[in-house]
Amino acid sequence: MGMDAERGPEAAHRVVRQDDNGNRFLLARGLDRARAEELAAEYEARGHKQLYWVEPEDPAEPGGPGSPA
């Protein structure tokens, strides 16, 4: 069973983009997986030569879900 499956469907996810130079940018966070996948697909459909993906957020990360504001 993968890490994402262990967190459950309510786990927060983020959408990340990588440009042609390998720079990574956070596009959205705090989304459920379905919405994050939908948003990544919307960006990909625009036809840019960029890589978009969805990953679960780590609640222990600074600024992650459940961390102090």
PDB file of N, CA and C in Angstrom:
ATOM      1  N   MET A   1       0.849  -1.177   0.000  1.00  0.00           N
ATOM      2  CA  MET A   1       0.000   0.000   0.000  1.00  0.00           C
ATOM      3  C   MET A   1       0.890   1.234   0.000  1.00  0.00           C
ATOM      4  N   GLY A   2       0.616   2.230  -0.858  1.00  0.00           N
ATOM      5  CA  GLY A   2       1.429   3.431  -0.962  1.00  0.00           C
ATOM      6  C   GLY A   2       1.155   4.410   0.168  1.00  0.00           C
ATOM      7  N   MET A   3       2.047   5.347   0.311  1.00  0.00           N
ATOM      8  CA  MET A   3       1.924   6.348   1.365  1.00  0.00           C
ATOM      9  C   MET A   3       0.626   7.134   1.220  1.00  0.00           C
ATOM     10  N   ASP A   4       0.261   7.476   0.005  1.00  0.00           N
ATOM     11  CA  ASP A   4      -0.934   8.266  -0.215  1.00  0.00           C
ATOM     12  C   ASP A   4      -2.179   7.513   0.226  1.00  0.00           C
ATOM     13  N   ALA A   5      -2.236   6.226  -0.063  1.00  0.00           N
ATOM     14  CA  ALA A   5      -3.381   5.419   0.323  1.00  0.00           C
ATOM     15  C   ALA A   5      -3.495   5.335   1.842  1.00  0.00           C
ATOM     16  N   GLU A   6      -2.379   5.338   2.541  1.00  0.00           N
ATOM     17  CA  GLU A   6      -2.390   5.264   3.989  1.00  0.00           C
ATOM     18  C   GLU A   6      -2.920   6.547   4.609  1.00  0.00           C
ATOM     19  N   ARG A   7      -2.756   7.676   3.945  1.00  0.00           N
ATOM     20  CA  ARG A   7      -3.209   8.963   4.480  1.00  0.00           C
ATOM     21  C   ARG A   7      -4.708   9.136   4.329  1.00  0.00           C
ATOM     22  N   GLY A   8      -5.299   8.454   3.375  1.00  0.00           N
ATOM     23  CA  GLY A   8      -6.728   8.556   3.152  1.00  0.00           C
ATOM     24  C   GLY A   8      -7.068   9.642   2.151  1.00  0.00           C
ATOM     25  N   PRO A   9      -8.289   9.602   1.625  1.00  0.00           N
ATOM     26  CA  PRO A   9      -8.697  10.548   0.587  1.00  0.00           C
ATOM     27  C   PRO A   9      -8.786  11.985   1.073  1.00  0.00           C
ATOM     28  N   GLU A  10      -8.933  12.202   2.394  1.00  0.00           N
ATOM     29  CA  GLU A  10      -9.070  13.561   2.904  1.00  0.00           C
ATOM     30  C   GLU A  10      -7.734  14.261   3.097  1.00  0.00           C
ATOM     31  N   ALA A  11      -6.633  13.570   2.862  1.00  0.00           N
ATOM     32  CA  ALA A  11      -5.306  14.178   3.019  1.00  0.00           C
ATOM     33  C   ALA A  11      -5.149  15.340   2.048  1.00  0.00           C
ATOM     34  N   ALA A  12      -4.462  16.377   2.499  1.00  0.00           N
ATOM     35  CA  ALA A  12      -4.227  17.551   1.652  1.00  0.00           C
ATOM     36  C   ALA A  12      -3.153  17.239   0.619  1.00  0.00           C
ATOM     37  N   HIS A  13      -3.352  17.751  -0.587  1.00  0.00           N
ATOM     38  CA  HIS A  13      -2.420  17.565  -1.686  1.00  0.00           C
ATOM     39  C   HIS A  13      -2.025  18.916  -2.260  1.00  0.00           C
ATOM     40  N   ARG A  14      -0.903  18.925  -2.973  1.00  0.00           N
ATOM     41  CA  ARG A  14      -0.445  20.149  -3.631  1.00  0.00           C
ATOM     42  C   ARG A  14      -0.126  19.859  -5.084  1.00  0.00           C
ATOM     43  N   VAL A  15      -0.158  20.911  -5.895  1.00  0.00           N
ATOM     44  CA  VAL A  15       0.192  20.832  -7.310  1.00  0.00           C
ATOM     45  C   VAL A  15       1.517  21.565  -7.486  1.00  0.00           C
ATOM     46  N   VAL A  16       2.459  20.899  -8.143  1.00  0.00           N
ATOM     47  CA  VAL A  16       3.798  21.439  -8.332  1.00  0.00           C
ATOM     48  C   VAL A  16       4.100  21.478  -9.829  1.00  0.00           C
ATOM     49  N   ARG A  17       4.871  22.497 -10.227  1.00  0.00           N
ATOM     50  CA  ARG A  17       5.281  22.644 -11.630  1.00  0.00           C
ATOM     51  C   ARG A  17       6.804  22.679 -11.693  1.00  0.00           C
ATOM     52  N   GLN A  18       7.349  22.051 -12.726  1.00  0.00           N
ATOM     53  CA  GLN A  18       8.785  22.143 -12.987  1.00  0.00           C
ATOM     54  C   GLN A  18       8.985  22.731 -14.376  1.00  0.00           C
ATOM     55  N   ASP A  19       9.804  23.784 -14.465  1.00  0.00           N
ATOM     56  CA  ASP A  19      10.029  24.426 -15.752  1.00  0.00           C
ATOM     57  C   ASP A  19      11.180  23.757 -16.504  1.00  0.00           C
ATOM     58  N   ASP A  20      11.476  24.294 -17.673  1.00  0.00           N
ATOM     59  CA  ASP A  20      12.509  23.713 -18.543  1.00  0.00           C
ATOM     60  C   ASP A  20      13.898  23.727 -17.917  1.00  0.00           C
ATOM     61  N   ASN A  21      14.116  24.590 -16.935  1.00  0.00           N
ATOM     62  CA  ASN A  21      15.422  24.696 -16.286  1.00  0.00           C
ATOM     63  C   ASN A  21      15.518  23.868 -15.007  1.00  0.00           C
ATOM     64  N   GLY A  22      14.463  23.122 -14.695  1.00  0.00           N
ATOM     65  CA  GLY A  22      14.467  22.284 -13.506  1.00  0.00           C
ATOM     66  C   GLY A  22      14.015  22.988 -12.237  1.00  0.00           C
ATOM     67  N   ASN A  23      13.577  24.238 -12.363  1.00  0.00           N
ATOM     68  CA  ASN A  23      13.076  24.969 -11.197  1.00  0.00           C
ATOM     69  C   ASN A  23      11.672  24.487 -10.863  1.00  0.00           C
ATOM     70  N   ARG A  24      11.409  24.291  -9.585  1.00  0.00           N
ATOM     71  CA  ARG A  24      10.104  23.800  -9.143  1.00  0.00           C
ATOM     72  C   ARG A  24       9.345  24.896  -8.417  1.00  0.00           C
ATOM     73  N   PHE A  25       8.029  24.932  -8.672  1.00  0.00           N
ATOM     74  CA  PHE A  25       7.171  25.963  -8.106  1.00  0.00           C
ATOM     75  C   PHE A  25       5.899  25.335  -7.558  1.00  0.00           C
ATOM     76  N   LEU A  26       5.502  25.759  -6.370  1.00  0.00           N
ATOM     77  CA  LEU A  26       4.251  25.331  -5.771  1.00  0.00           C
ATOM     78  C   LEU A  26       3.127  26.156  -6.389  1.00  0.00           C
ATOM     79  N   LEU A  27       2.158  25.500  -7.010  1.00  0.00           N
ATOM     80  CA  LEU A  27       1.050  26.206  -7.660  1.00  0.00           C
ATOM     81  C   LEU A  27      -0.189  26.276  -6.775  1.00  0.00           C
ATOM     82  N   ALA A  28      -0.449  25.218  -6.031  1.00  0.00           N
ATOM     83  CA  ALA A  28      -1.631  25.184  -5.170  1.00  0.00           C
ATOM     84  C   ALA A  28      -1.379  24.179  -4.058  1.00  0.00           C
ATOM     85  N   ARG A  29      -2.032  24.388  -2.932  1.00  0.00           N
ATOM     86  CA  ARG A  29      -1.880  23.466  -1.812  1.00  0.00           C
ATOM     87  C   ARG A  29      -3.183  23.373  -1.044  1.00  0.00           C
ATOM     88  N   GLY A  30      -3.274  22.365  -0.183  1.00  0.00           N
ATOM     89  CA  GLY A  30      -4.460  22.209   0.652  1.00  0.00           C
ATOM     90  C   GLY A  30      -5.669  21.670  -0.081  1.00  0.00           C
ATOM     91  N   LEU A  31      -5.447  21.026  -1.223  1.00  0.00           N
ATOM     92  CA  LEU A  31      -6.546  20.499  -2.032  1.00  0.00           C
ATOM     93  C   LEU A  31      -6.755  19.019  -1.750  1.00  0.00           C
ATOM     94  N   ASP A  32      -7.991  18.542  -1.977  1.00  0.00           N
ATOM     95  CA  ASP A  32      -8.158  17.092  -1.936  1.00  0.00           C
ATOM     96  C   ASP A  32      -7.557  16.534  -3.221  1.00  0.00           C
ATOM     97  N   ARG A  33      -7.265  15.253  -3.241  1.00  0.00           N
ATOM     98  CA  ARG A  33      -6.540  14.677  -4.373  1.00  0.00           C
ATOM     99  C   ARG A  33      -7.267  14.871  -5.699  1.00  0.00           C
ATOM    100  N   ALA A  34      -8.582  14.687  -5.702  1.00  0.00           N
ATOM    101  CA  ALA A  34      -9.346  14.819  -6.950  1.00  0.00           C
ATOM    102  C   ALA A  34      -9.219  16.226  -7.524  1.00  0.00           C
ATOM    103  N   ARG A  35      -9.359  17.237  -6.687  1.00  0.00           N
ATOM    104  CA  ARG A  35      -9.241  18.624  -7.179  1.00  0.00           C
ATOM    105  C   ARG A  35      -7.822  18.930  -7.620  1.00  0.00           C
ATOM    106  N   ALA A  36      -6.835  18.418  -6.890  1.00  0.00           N
ATOM    107  CA  ALA A  36      -5.439  18.639  -7.273  1.00  0.00           C
ATOM    108  C   ALA A  36      -5.149  18.016  -8.637  1.00  0.00           C
ATOM    109  N   GLU A  37      -5.625  16.802  -8.873  1.00  0.00           N
ATOM    110  CA  GLU A  37      -5.437  16.139 -10.171  1.00  0.00           C
ATOM    111  C   GLU A  37      -6.133  16.930 -11.280  1.00  0.00           C
ATOM    112  N   GLU A  38      -7.319  17.432 -10.986  1.00  0.00           N
ATOM    113  CA  GLU A  38      -8.074  18.223 -11.963  1.00  0.00           C
ATOM    114  C   GLU A  38      -7.308  19.501 -12.328  1.00  0.00           C
ATOM    115  N   LEU A  39      -6.764  20.164 -11.327  1.00  0.00           N
ATOM    116  CA  LEU A  39      -6.022  21.395 -11.573  1.00  0.00           C
ATOM    117  C   LEU A  39      -4.749  21.121 -12.376  1.00  0.00           C
ATOM    118  N   ALA A  40      -4.026  20.066 -12.041  1.00  0.00           N
ATOM    119  CA  ALA A  40      -2.819  19.700 -12.792  1.00  0.00           C
ATOM    120  C   ALA A  40      -3.177  19.415 -14.252  1.00  0.00           C
ATOM    121  N   ALA A  41      -4.287  18.738 -14.474  1.00  0.00           N
ATOM    122  CA  ALA A  41      -4.728  18.441 -15.842  1.00  0.00           C
ATOM    123  C   ALA A  41      -5.082  19.728 -16.596  1.00  0.00           C
ATOM    124  N   GLU A  42      -5.682  20.692 -15.906  1.00  0.00           N
ATOM    125  CA  GLU A  42      -6.010  21.974 -16.542  1.00  0.00           C
ATOM    126  C   GLU A  42      -4.733  22.684 -16.999  1.00  0.00           C
ATOM    127  N   TYR A  43      -3.727  22.700 -16.149  1.00  0.00           N
ATOM    128  CA  TYR A  43      -2.459  23.329 -16.520  1.00  0.00           C
ATOM    129  C   TYR A  43      -1.810  22.592 -17.699  1.00  0.00           C
ATOM    130  N   GLU A  44      -1.805  21.267 -17.656  1.00  0.00           N
ATOM    131  CA  GLU A  44      -1.204  20.488 -18.750  1.00  0.00           C
ATOM    132  C   GLU A  44      -1.912  20.730 -20.068  1.00  0.00           C
ATOM    133  N   ALA A  45      -3.220  20.922 -20.014  1.00  0.00           N
ATOM    134  CA  ALA A  45      -4.015  21.125 -21.225  1.00  0.00           C
ATOM    135  C   ALA A  45      -3.684  22.449 -21.924  1.00  0.00           C
ATOM    136  N   ARG A  46      -3.030  23.349 -21.224  1.00  0.00           N
ATOM    137  CA  ARG A  46      -2.670  24.639 -21.824  1.00  0.00           C
ATOM    138  C   ARG A  46      -1.543  24.513 -22.839  1.00  0.00           C
ATOM    139  N   GLY A  47      -0.884  23.366 -22.865  1.00  0.00           N
ATOM    140  CA  GLY A  47       0.111  23.110 -23.898  1.00  0.00           C
ATOM    141  C   GLY A  47       1.509  23.613 -23.633  1.00  0.00           C
ATOM    142  N   HIS A  48       1.774  24.101 -22.441  1.00  0.00           N
ATOM    143  CA  HIS A  48       3.135  24.542 -22.125  1.00  0.00           C
ATOM    144  C   HIS A  48       4.045  23.333 -21.966  1.00  0.00           C
ATOM    145  N   LYS A  49       5.311  23.501 -22.258  1.00  0.00           N
ATOM    146  CA  LYS A  49       6.275  22.406 -22.108  1.00  0.00           C
ATOM    147  C   LYS A  49       6.789  22.370 -20.677  1.00  0.00           C
ATOM    148  N   GLN A  50       5.892  22.216 -19.749  1.00  0.00           N
ATOM    149  CA  GLN A  50       6.239  22.172 -18.335  1.00  0.00           C
ATOM    150  C   GLN A  50       5.685  20.877 -17.756  1.00  0.00           C
ATOM    151  N   LEU A  51       6.257  20.456 -16.671  1.00  0.00           N
ATOM    152  CA  LEU A  51       5.830  19.240 -16.002  1.00  0.00           C
ATOM    153  C   LEU A  51       5.013  19.619 -14.779  1.00  0.00           C
ATOM    154  N   TYR A  52       3.826  19.021 -14.639  1.00  0.00           N
ATOM    155  CA  TYR A  52       2.950  19.273 -13.509  1.00  0.00           C
ATOM    156  C   TYR A  52       2.673  17.955 -12.808  1.00  0.00           C
ATOM    157  N   TRP A  53       2.636  17.962 -11.476  1.00  0.00           N
ATOM    158  CA  TRP A  53       2.289  16.754 -10.756  1.00  0.00           C
ATOM    159  C   TRP A  53       1.625  17.095  -9.429  1.00  0.00           C
ATOM    160  N   VAL A  54       1.017  16.056  -8.860  1.00  0.00           N
ATOM    161  CA  VAL A  54       0.311  16.162  -7.585  1.00  0.00           C
ATOM    162  C   VAL A  54       1.060  15.308  -6.580  1.00  0.00           C
ATOM    163  N   GLU A  55       1.211  15.834  -5.368  1.00  0.00           N
ATOM    164  CA  GLU A  55       1.832  15.065  -4.296  1.00  0.00           C
ATOM    165  C   GLU A  55       1.141  15.379  -2.983  1.00  0.00           C
ATOM    166  N   PRO A  56       1.121  14.409  -2.076  1.00  0.00           N
ATOM    167  CA  PRO A  56       0.509  14.677  -0.769  1.00  0.00           C
ATOM    168  C   PRO A  56       1.357  15.661   0.010  1.00  0.00           C
ATOM    169  N   GLU A  57       0.693  16.487   0.795  1.00  0.00           N
ATOM    170  CA  GLU A  57       1.416  17.431   1.653  1.00  0.00           C
ATOM    171  C   GLU A  57       1.811  16.711   2.937  1.00  0.00           C
ATOM    172  N   ASP A  58       2.962  17.054   3.455  1.00  0.00           N
ATOM    173  CA  ASP A  58       3.443  16.496   4.709  1.00  0.00           C
ATOM    174  C   ASP A  58       3.001  17.425   5.836  1.00  0.00           C
ATOM    175  N   PRO A  59       2.144  16.958   6.739  1.00  0.00           N
ATOM    176  CA  PRO A  59       1.662  17.823   7.821  1.00  0.00           C
ATOM    177  C   PRO A  59       2.798  18.339   8.716  1.00  0.00           C
ATOM    178  N   ALA A  60       3.930  17.657   8.730  1.00  0.00           N
ATOM    179  CA  ALA A  60       5.053  18.074   9.570  1.00  0.00           C
ATOM    180  C   ALA A  60       5.879  19.187   8.929  1.00  0.00           C
ATOM    181  N   GLU A  61       5.675  19.442   7.629  1.00  0.00           N
ATOM    182  CA  GLU A  61       6.418  20.482   6.916  1.00  0.00           C
ATOM    183  C   GLU A  61       6.015  21.859   7.417  1.00  0.00           C
ATOM    184  N   PRO A  62       6.965  22.787   7.539  1.00  0.00           N
ATOM    185  CA  PRO A  62       6.582  24.156   7.906  1.00  0.00           C
ATOM    186  C   PRO A  62       5.576  24.705   6.900  1.00  0.00           C
ATOM    187  N   GLY A  63       4.492  25.244   7.402  1.00  0.00           N
ATOM    188  CA  GLY A  63       3.458  25.783   6.522  1.00  0.00           C
ATOM    189  C   GLY A  63       2.511  24.719   6.008  1.00  0.00           C
ATOM    190  N   GLY A  64       2.731  23.465   6.385  1.00  0.00           N
ATOM    191  CA  GLY A  64       1.865  22.377   5.942  1.00  0.00           C
ATOM    192  C   GLY A  64       0.575  22.348   6.736  1.00  0.00           C
ATOM    193  N   PRO A  65      -0.345  21.482   6.337  1.00  0.00           N
ATOM    194  CA  PRO A  65      -1.623  21.391   7.039  1.00  0.00           C
ATOM    195  C   PRO A  65      -1.397  21.058   8.513  1.00  0.00           C
ATOM    196  N   GLY A  66      -2.062  21.765   9.379  1.00  0.00           N
ATOM    197  CA  GLY A  66      -1.964  21.494  10.797  1.00  0.00           C
ATOM    198  C   GLY A  66      -0.812  22.198  11.494  1.00  0.00           C
ATOM    199  N   SER A  67       0.044  22.884  10.744  1.00  0.00           N
ATOM    200  CA  SER A  67       1.147  23.603  11.385  1.00  0.00           C
ATOM    201  C   SER A  67       0.652  24.979  11.827  1.00  0.00           C
ATOM    202  N   PRO A  68       1.328  25.568  12.810  1.00  0.00           N
ATOM    203  CA  PRO A  68       0.903  26.909  13.256  1.00  0.00           C
ATOM    204  C   PRO A  68       1.022  27.933  12.142  1.00  0.00           C
ATOM    205  N   ALA A  69       0.119  28.876  12.120  1.00  0.00           N
ATOM    206  CA  ALA A  69       0.106  29.894  11.057  1.00  0.00           C
ATOM    207  C   ALA A  69       1.224  30.888  11.200  1.00  0.00           C
TER     208      ALA A  69
END
